[in-house]
C-alpha atoms as a PDB file:
ATOM      1  CA  UNK A   1      -0.283  -0.002  -0.178  1.00  0.00           C
ATOM      2  CA  UNK A   2       1.149   3.165  -0.850  1.00  0.00           C
ATOM      3  CA  UNK A   3       2.176   6.015   1.441  1.00  0.00           C
ATOM      4  CA  UNK A   4      -0.318   9.133   1.150  1.00  0.00           C
ATOM      5  CA  UNK A   5       1.381  12.442   2.136  1.00  0.00           C
ATOM      6  CA  UNK A   6      -1.469  15.650   3.411  1.00  0.00           C
ATOM      7  CA  UNK A   7      -0.078  18.887   2.289  1.00  0.00           C
ATOM      8  CA  UNK A   8      -0.543  21.597   4.783  1.00  0.00           C
ATOM      9  CA  UNK A   9      -2.364  23.692   2.462  1.00  0.00           C
ATOM     10  CA  UNK A  10      -4.908  20.692   2.448  1.00  0.00           C
ATOM     11  CA  UNK A  11      -4.857  20.186   5.766  1.00  0.00           C
ATOM     12  CA  UNK A  12      -5.843  24.067   6.261  1.00  0.00           C
ATOM     13  CA  UNK A  13      -8.714  23.625   4.104  1.00  0.00           C
ATOM     14  CA  UNK A  14     -10.424  21.212   6.199  1.00  0.00           C
ATOM     15  CA  UNK A  15     -11.191  24.145   8.520  1.00  0.00           C
ATOM     16  CA  UNK A  16     -12.974  25.680   5.671  1.00  0.00           C
ATOM     17  CA  UNK A  17     -16.564  25.918   5.736  1.00  0.00           C
ATOM     18  CA  UNK A  18     -16.739  24.279   2.214  1.00  0.00           C
ATOM     19  CA  UNK A  19     -14.814  21.180   3.364  1.00  0.00           C
ATOM     20  CA  UNK A  20     -16.499  20.976   7.076  1.00  0.00           C
ATOM     21  CA  UNK A  21     -17.057  17.231   8.390  1.00  0.00           C
ATOM     22  CA  UNK A  22     -14.063  15.863   6.302  1.00  0.00           C
ATOM     23  CA  UNK A  23     -11.411  14.114   7.930  1.00  0.00           C
ATOM     24  CA  UNK A  24      -7.689  13.373   7.077  1.00  0.00           C
ATOM     25  CA  UNK A  25      -8.570   9.871   7.452  1.00  0.00           C
ATOM     26  CA  UNK A  26     -11.401  10.215   4.821  1.00  0.00           C
ATOM     27  CA  UNK A  27      -8.850  11.172   2.541  1.00  0.00           C
ATOM     28  CA  UNK A  28      -6.505   8.909   2.995  1.00  0.00           C
ATOM     29  CA  UNK A  29      -8.917   6.406   2.398  1.00  0.00           C
ATOM     30  CA  UNK A  30      -9.784   8.127  -1.074  1.00  0.00           C
ATOM     31  CA  UNK A  31      -6.370   8.248  -2.214  1.00  0.00           C
ATOM     32  CA  UNK A  32      -5.637   4.719  -1.769  1.00  0.00           C
ATOM     33  CA  UNK A  33      -8.919   3.859  -3.891  1.00  0.00           C
ATOM     34  CA  UNK A  34      -7.320   5.389  -6.462  1.00  0.00           C
ATOM     35  CA  UNK A  35      -5.775   2.801  -8.684  1.00  0.00           C
ATOM     36  CA  UNK A  36      -2.485   3.280 -11.054  1.00  0.00           C
ATOM     37  CA  UNK A  37       0.295   5.962 -11.204  1.00  0.00           C
ATOM     38  CA  UNK A  38      -0.647   9.261 -11.478  1.00  0.00           C
ATOM     39  CA  UNK A  39       2.493  11.414 -12.706  1.00  0.00           C
ATOM     40  CA  UNK A  40       0.651  14.988 -12.834  1.00  0.00           C
ATOM     41  CA  UNK A  41      -1.452  16.575 -10.581  1.00  0.00           C
ATOM     42  CA  UNK A  42      -4.903  15.373 -11.708  1.00  0.00           C
ATOM     43  CA  UNK A  43      -8.255  16.128 -10.049  1.00  0.00           C
ATOM     44  CA  UNK A  44     -10.306  13.023  -9.105  1.00  0.00           C
ATOM     45  CA  UNK A  45     -13.940  13.599  -8.411  1.00  0.00           C
ATOM     46  CA  UNK A  46     -16.564  12.264  -6.320  1.00  0.00           C
ATOM     47  CA  UNK A  47     -15.737  10.869  -3.234  1.00  0.00           C
ATOM     48  CA  UNK A  48     -18.171  10.679   0.096  1.00  0.00           C
ATOM     49  CA  UNK A  49     -16.739  11.122   3.625  1.00  0.00           C
ATOM     50  CA  UNK A  50     -17.919   9.270   6.216  1.00  0.00           C
ATOM     51  CA  UNK A  51     -20.252  12.130   7.028  1.00  0.00           C
ATOM     52  CA  UNK A  52     -21.721  11.729   3.747  1.00  0.00           C
ATOM     53  CA  UNK A  53     -20.026  15.164   2.209  1.00  0.00           C
ATOM     54  CA  UNK A  54     -18.803  15.325  -1.379  1.00  0.00           C
ATOM     55  CA  UNK A  55     -15.195  15.874  -1.810  1.00  0.00           C
ATOM     56  CA  UNK A  56     -12.930  16.097  -4.782  1.00  0.00           C
ATOM     57  CA  UNK A  57      -9.344  15.751  -4.227  1.00  0.00           C
ATOM     58  CA  UNK A  58      -6.009  16.455  -6.374  1.00  0.00           C
ATOM     59  CA  UNK A  59      -3.186  14.289  -6.546  1.00  0.00           C
ATOM     60  CA  UNK A  60      -0.191  13.381  -7.697  1.00  0.00           C
ATOM     61  CA  UNK A  61       2.375  10.607  -7.482  1.00  0.00           C
ATOM     62  CA  UNK A  62       6.215  11.703  -6.223  1.00  0.00           C
ATOM     63  CA  UNK A  63       8.946   9.410  -5.329  1.00  0.00           C
ATOM     64  CA  UNK A  64       8.033   9.114  -1.476  1.00  0.00           C
ATOM     65  CA  UNK A  65       4.397   8.301  -1.922  1.00  0.00           C
ATOM     66  CA  UNK A  66       1.006   9.881  -3.183  1.00  0.00           C
ATOM     67  CA  UNK A  67       0.505  13.883  -2.439  1.00  0.00           C
ATOM     68  CA  UNK A  68      -2.656  14.866  -2.040  1.00  0.00           C
ATOM     69  CA  UNK A  69      -2.262  19.071  -3.258  1.00  0.00           C
ATOM     70  CA  UNK A  70      -5.754  20.251  -1.842  1.00  0.00           C
ATOM     71  CA  UNK A  71      -9.167  19.174  -1.058  1.00  0.00           C
ATOM     72  CA  UNK A  72     -12.072  20.479  -2.411  1.00  0.00           C
ATOM     73  CA  UNK A  73     -15.660  20.235  -0.747  1.00  0.00           C
ATOM     74  CA  UNK A  74     -19.259  20.294  -2.384  1.00  0.00           C
END
């Protein structure tokens, strides 16, 4: 299983109203669901947090793992 790295920017966004009720565990689980290698920053849509909140992730694979660049809540 690949390591998931959540950037400081993404962690700060979790405190915004739009990302309310999305946890770091939700983000890590969603990042693990994405198959394959992601060489450039790509937006993946339609993940659902345990709270029911829908969100998107922008992710890129780097040498040390899967980098979560930002979270976009719906």
